[in-house]
């Protein structure tokens, strides 16, 4: 994935869709109460980790944060989210131990 981002930035000087566009989608979903499926970082407690970790999770988003769609994901996608949460947690632990 890093090579794709580098390719885009090298060829057009940046990405067309970045954090600002994501923020716009999230804000629009909340203001218009669209209840659309978006990936939003929320605290999730996985059995494999000792505490909740903020990880991008697909969920219904409107004026409230709806239920997670974790159970609808394939086993491979679920494993990817757990792996991402583990990496986030390990980075967090490394930072805490370094200070």
N, C-alpha and C. Protein backbone atom coordinates (compact mmCIF):
# COMPACT_ATOMS: atom_id res chain seq x y z
N UNK A 1 0.81 -1.20 0.00
CA UNK A 1 0.00 0.00 0.00
C UNK A 1 0.86 1.27 0.00
N UNK A 2 1.97 1.24 0.71
CA UNK A 2 2.82 2.43 0.76
C UNK A 2 3.30 2.81 -0.63
N UNK A 3 3.57 1.81 -1.46
CA UNK A 3 4.05 2.12 -2.80
C UNK A 3 2.98 2.81 -3.63
N UNK A 4 1.71 2.46 -3.41
CA UNK A 4 0.62 3.12 -4.14
C UNK A 4 0.55 4.59 -3.76
N UNK A 5 0.59 4.86 -2.45
CA UNK A 5 0.55 6.25 -1.99
C UNK A 5 1.73 7.05 -2.53
N UNK A 6 2.91 6.45 -2.48
CA UNK A 6 4.11 7.12 -3.00
C UNK A 6 3.96 7.40 -4.48
N UNK A 7 3.43 6.45 -5.23
CA UNK A 7 3.22 6.62 -6.68
C UNK A 7 2.28 7.80 -6.94
N UNK A 8 1.18 7.87 -6.20
CA UNK A 8 0.20 8.95 -6.39
C UNK A 8 0.85 10.30 -6.06
N UNK A 9 1.52 10.38 -4.94
CA UNK A 9 2.14 11.64 -4.52
C UNK A 9 3.24 12.05 -5.50
N UNK A 10 4.05 11.10 -5.95
CA UNK A 10 5.13 11.41 -6.89
C UNK A 10 4.60 11.92 -8.22
N UNK A 11 3.43 11.41 -8.65
CA UNK A 11 2.92 11.74 -9.98
C UNK A 11 1.97 12.93 -10.01
N UNK A 12 1.23 13.16 -8.94
CA UNK A 12 0.31 14.31 -8.98
C UNK A 12 0.53 15.27 -7.82
N UNK A 13 1.53 15.01 -7.00
CA UNK A 13 1.89 15.94 -5.93
C UNK A 13 1.06 15.80 -4.67
N UNK A 14 0.16 14.86 -4.61
CA UNK A 14 -0.65 14.65 -3.42
C UNK A 14 -1.75 13.65 -3.72
N UNK A 15 -2.54 13.39 -2.74
CA UNK A 15 -3.67 12.49 -2.95
C UNK A 15 -4.93 13.31 -3.11
N UNK A 16 -5.83 12.83 -3.92
CA UNK A 16 -7.09 13.54 -4.15
C UNK A 16 -8.00 13.41 -2.93
N UNK A 17 -7.97 12.25 -2.31
CA UNK A 17 -8.82 12.00 -1.15
C UNK A 17 -7.93 11.84 0.07
N UNK A 18 -8.07 12.71 1.00
CA UNK A 18 -7.24 12.66 2.20
C UNK A 18 -8.09 12.82 3.43
N UNK A 19 -7.47 13.16 4.53
CA UNK A 19 -8.21 13.31 5.79
C UNK A 19 -9.34 14.33 5.72
N UNK A 20 -9.16 15.41 4.97
CA UNK A 20 -10.21 16.42 4.89
C UNK A 20 -11.48 15.87 4.26
N UNK A 21 -11.33 15.04 3.25
CA UNK A 21 -12.50 14.45 2.59
C UNK A 21 -13.18 13.47 3.54
N UNK A 22 -12.40 12.69 4.27
CA UNK A 22 -12.97 11.76 5.25
C UNK A 22 -13.74 12.52 6.31
N UNK A 23 -13.17 13.62 6.77
CA UNK A 23 -13.84 14.45 7.77
C UNK A 23 -15.16 14.99 7.20
N UNK A 24 -15.16 15.37 5.93
CA UNK A 24 -16.38 15.87 5.30
C UNK A 24 -17.46 14.79 5.28
N UNK A 25 -17.10 13.56 4.91
CA UNK A 25 -18.07 12.46 4.88
C UNK A 25 -18.64 12.19 6.27
N UNK A 26 -17.78 12.19 7.28
CA UNK A 26 -18.22 11.92 8.64
C UNK A 26 -19.15 13.04 9.12
N UNK A 27 -18.75 14.29 8.89
CA UNK A 27 -19.57 15.43 9.29
C UNK A 27 -20.92 15.41 8.59
N UNK A 28 -20.92 15.13 7.30
CA UNK A 28 -22.17 15.08 6.53
C UNK A 28 -23.10 13.99 7.07
N UNK A 29 -22.53 12.82 7.39
CA UNK A 29 -23.35 11.72 7.91
C UNK A 29 -24.00 12.10 9.24
N UNK A 30 -23.27 12.83 10.08
CA UNK A 30 -23.81 13.24 11.37
C UNK A 30 -24.87 14.32 11.21
N UNK A 31 -24.54 15.37 10.45
CA UNK A 31 -25.47 16.50 10.29
C UNK A 31 -26.75 16.07 9.57
N UNK A 32 -26.62 15.25 8.53
CA UNK A 32 -27.80 14.83 7.76
C UNK A 32 -28.43 13.54 8.29
N UNK A 33 -27.83 12.96 9.32
CA UNK A 33 -28.32 11.74 9.93
C UNK A 33 -28.56 10.65 8.87
N UNK A 34 -27.55 10.41 8.06
CA UNK A 34 -27.70 9.48 6.92
C UNK A 34 -27.63 8.01 7.30
N UNK A 35 -27.05 7.71 8.46
CA UNK A 35 -26.86 6.31 8.86
C UNK A 35 -26.16 5.50 7.80
N UNK A 36 -25.17 6.12 7.16
CA UNK A 36 -24.41 5.38 6.15
C UNK A 36 -23.25 4.65 6.79
N UNK A 37 -22.75 3.65 6.09
CA UNK A 37 -21.64 2.86 6.60
C UNK A 37 -20.34 3.59 6.30
N UNK A 38 -19.60 3.90 7.37
CA UNK A 38 -18.30 4.55 7.25
C UNK A 38 -17.34 3.86 8.21
N UNK A 39 -16.08 3.94 7.90
CA UNK A 39 -15.07 3.42 8.81
C UNK A 39 -14.62 4.56 9.71
N UNK A 40 -14.87 4.40 11.01
CA UNK A 40 -14.56 5.44 11.98
C UNK A 40 -13.78 4.78 13.13
N UNK A 41 -12.75 5.46 13.60
CA UNK A 41 -11.97 4.92 14.71
C UNK A 41 -12.77 5.04 16.00
N UNK A 42 -13.06 3.91 16.58
CA UNK A 42 -13.79 3.83 17.84
C UNK A 42 -13.05 2.88 18.77
N UNK A 43 -13.23 3.02 20.09
CA UNK A 43 -12.56 2.08 20.99
C UNK A 43 -13.22 0.70 20.90
N UNK A 44 -12.40 -0.32 20.65
CA UNK A 44 -12.90 -1.69 20.52
C UNK A 44 -12.09 -2.58 21.44
N UNK A 45 -12.76 -3.43 22.19
CA UNK A 45 -12.07 -4.39 23.07
C UNK A 45 -12.06 -5.75 22.37
N UNK A 46 -10.88 -6.18 21.97
CA UNK A 46 -10.70 -7.51 21.39
C UNK A 46 -10.20 -8.45 22.48
N UNK A 47 -10.64 -9.69 22.45
CA UNK A 47 -10.22 -10.67 23.46
C UNK A 47 -8.70 -10.82 23.50
N UNK A 48 -8.05 -10.63 22.36
CA UNK A 48 -6.60 -10.83 22.26
C UNK A 48 -5.79 -9.72 22.93
N UNK A 49 -6.43 -8.61 23.28
CA UNK A 49 -5.72 -7.46 23.84
C UNK A 49 -6.25 -7.13 25.23
N UNK A 50 -5.40 -6.63 26.12
CA UNK A 50 -5.82 -6.38 27.50
C UNK A 50 -6.72 -5.16 27.70
N UNK A 51 -6.77 -4.27 26.72
CA UNK A 51 -7.60 -3.09 26.87
C UNK A 51 -8.12 -2.63 25.51
N UNK A 52 -9.17 -1.78 25.50
CA UNK A 52 -9.70 -1.31 24.22
C UNK A 52 -8.67 -0.51 23.43
N UNK A 53 -8.79 -0.58 22.12
CA UNK A 53 -7.89 0.13 21.21
C UNK A 53 -8.77 0.87 20.20
N UNK A 54 -8.41 2.11 19.89
CA UNK A 54 -9.12 2.85 18.85
C UNK A 54 -8.67 2.32 17.49
N UNK A 55 -9.60 1.76 16.74
CA UNK A 55 -9.29 1.19 15.43
C UNK A 55 -10.45 1.52 14.49
N UNK A 56 -10.13 1.76 13.22
CA UNK A 56 -11.16 2.06 12.23
C UNK A 56 -12.08 0.87 12.05
N UNK A 57 -13.36 1.06 12.36
CA UNK A 57 -14.35 -0.01 12.32
C UNK A 57 -15.52 0.42 11.44
N UNK A 58 -15.96 -0.43 10.53
CA UNK A 58 -17.13 -0.04 9.74
C UNK A 58 -18.37 -0.04 10.63
N UNK A 59 -19.11 1.07 10.59
CA UNK A 59 -20.32 1.18 11.39
C UNK A 59 -21.29 2.14 10.74
N UNK A 60 -22.52 2.08 11.21
CA UNK A 60 -23.55 3.00 10.72
C UNK A 60 -23.36 4.32 11.47
N UNK A 61 -23.27 5.41 10.70
CA UNK A 61 -23.03 6.71 11.34
C UNK A 61 -24.10 7.70 10.93
N UNK A 62 -24.72 8.27 11.93
CA UNK A 62 -25.71 9.33 11.76
C UNK A 62 -25.55 10.26 12.94
N UNK A 63 -26.66 10.71 13.50
CA UNK A 63 -26.57 11.57 14.69
C UNK A 63 -26.01 10.80 15.88
N UNK A 64 -26.06 9.49 15.81
CA UNK A 64 -25.44 8.64 16.83
C UNK A 64 -24.53 7.63 16.13
N UNK A 65 -23.61 7.07 16.89
CA UNK A 65 -22.76 6.01 16.35
C UNK A 65 -23.55 4.72 16.47
N UNK A 66 -23.83 4.11 15.33
CA UNK A 66 -24.61 2.88 15.33
C UNK A 66 -23.76 1.67 15.64
N UNK A 67 -24.39 0.53 15.50
CA UNK A 67 -23.71 -0.73 15.78
C UNK A 67 -22.57 -0.97 14.80
N UNK A 68 -21.56 -1.63 15.31
CA UNK A 68 -20.43 -2.05 14.49
C UNK A 68 -20.91 -3.13 13.51
N UNK A 69 -20.29 -3.16 12.36
CA UNK A 69 -20.60 -4.20 11.37
C UNK A 69 -19.55 -5.30 11.41
N UNK A 70 -18.83 -5.40 12.50
CA UNK A 70 -17.75 -6.38 12.65
C UNK A 70 -18.24 -7.80 12.35
N UNK A 71 -19.40 -8.16 12.87
CA UNK A 71 -19.90 -9.52 12.69
C UNK A 71 -20.32 -9.84 11.26
N UNK A 72 -20.47 -8.82 10.43
CA UNK A 72 -20.84 -9.01 9.03
C UNK A 72 -19.59 -9.26 8.17
N UNK A 73 -18.44 -8.87 8.69
CA UNK A 73 -17.19 -9.01 7.95
C UNK A 73 -16.78 -10.47 7.83
N UNK A 74 -16.01 -10.76 6.79
CA UNK A 74 -15.47 -12.11 6.63
C UNK A 74 -14.44 -12.38 7.72
N UNK A 75 -14.12 -13.64 7.92
CA UNK A 75 -13.10 -13.99 8.93
C UNK A 75 -11.77 -13.32 8.61
N UNK A 76 -11.46 -13.23 7.32
CA UNK A 76 -10.21 -12.58 6.90
C UNK A 76 -10.21 -11.10 7.26
N UNK A 77 -11.34 -10.43 7.02
CA UNK A 77 -11.46 -9.01 7.36
C UNK A 77 -11.40 -8.80 8.88
N UNK A 78 -12.06 -9.68 9.63
CA UNK A 78 -12.01 -9.60 11.09
C UNK A 78 -10.58 -9.78 11.58
N UNK A 79 -9.88 -10.76 11.00
CA UNK A 79 -8.48 -10.99 11.38
C UNK A 79 -7.62 -9.76 11.07
N UNK A 80 -7.92 -9.08 9.97
CA UNK A 80 -7.20 -7.86 9.62
C UNK A 80 -7.41 -6.76 10.64
N UNK A 81 -8.64 -6.62 11.12
CA UNK A 81 -8.92 -5.61 12.15
C UNK A 81 -8.21 -5.94 13.46
N UNK A 82 -8.21 -7.22 13.82
CA UNK A 82 -7.51 -7.63 15.04
C UNK A 82 -6.01 -7.36 14.90
N UNK A 83 -5.46 -7.68 13.73
CA UNK A 83 -4.03 -7.43 13.49
C UNK A 83 -3.72 -5.94 13.57
N UNK A 84 -4.60 -5.11 13.00
CA UNK A 84 -4.40 -3.66 13.06
C UNK A 84 -4.47 -3.17 14.50
N UNK A 85 -5.44 -3.67 15.26
CA UNK A 85 -5.57 -3.28 16.67
C UNK A 85 -4.33 -3.71 17.45
N UNK A 86 -3.83 -4.90 17.17
CA UNK A 86 -2.64 -5.39 17.86
C UNK A 86 -1.44 -4.48 17.55
N UNK A 87 -1.29 -4.09 16.28
CA UNK A 87 -0.18 -3.21 15.89
C UNK A 87 -0.30 -1.85 16.57
N UNK A 88 -1.51 -1.33 16.64
CA UNK A 88 -1.74 -0.04 17.31
C UNK A 88 -1.39 -0.16 18.79
N UNK A 89 -1.85 -1.23 19.42
CA UNK A 89 -1.58 -1.44 20.84
C UNK A 89 -0.09 -1.58 21.10
N UNK A 90 0.60 -2.35 20.26
CA UNK A 90 2.04 -2.53 20.44
C UNK A 90 2.81 -1.22 20.26
N UNK A 91 2.39 -0.40 19.30
CA UNK A 91 3.01 0.91 19.11
C UNK A 91 2.78 1.79 20.33
N UNK A 92 1.57 1.75 20.85
CA UNK A 92 1.22 2.50 22.06
C UNK A 92 2.10 2.05 23.23
N UNK A 93 2.23 0.74 23.42
CA UNK A 93 3.05 0.22 24.51
C UNK A 93 4.52 0.62 24.35
N UNK A 94 5.01 0.60 23.13
CA UNK A 94 6.41 1.00 22.86
C UNK A 94 6.60 2.47 23.24
N UNK A 95 5.64 3.30 22.88
CA UNK A 95 5.73 4.73 23.19
C UNK A 95 5.67 4.97 24.70
N UNK A 96 4.80 4.26 25.39
CA UNK A 96 4.67 4.41 26.84
C UNK A 96 5.96 3.97 27.52
N UNK A 97 6.52 2.85 27.09
CA UNK A 97 7.74 2.33 27.71
C UNK A 97 8.96 3.18 27.41
N UNK A 98 8.93 3.92 26.31
CA UNK A 98 10.07 4.76 25.93
C UNK A 98 10.10 6.07 26.70
N UNK A 99 8.96 6.46 27.26
CA UNK A 99 8.92 7.76 27.95
C UNK A 99 9.29 7.67 29.40
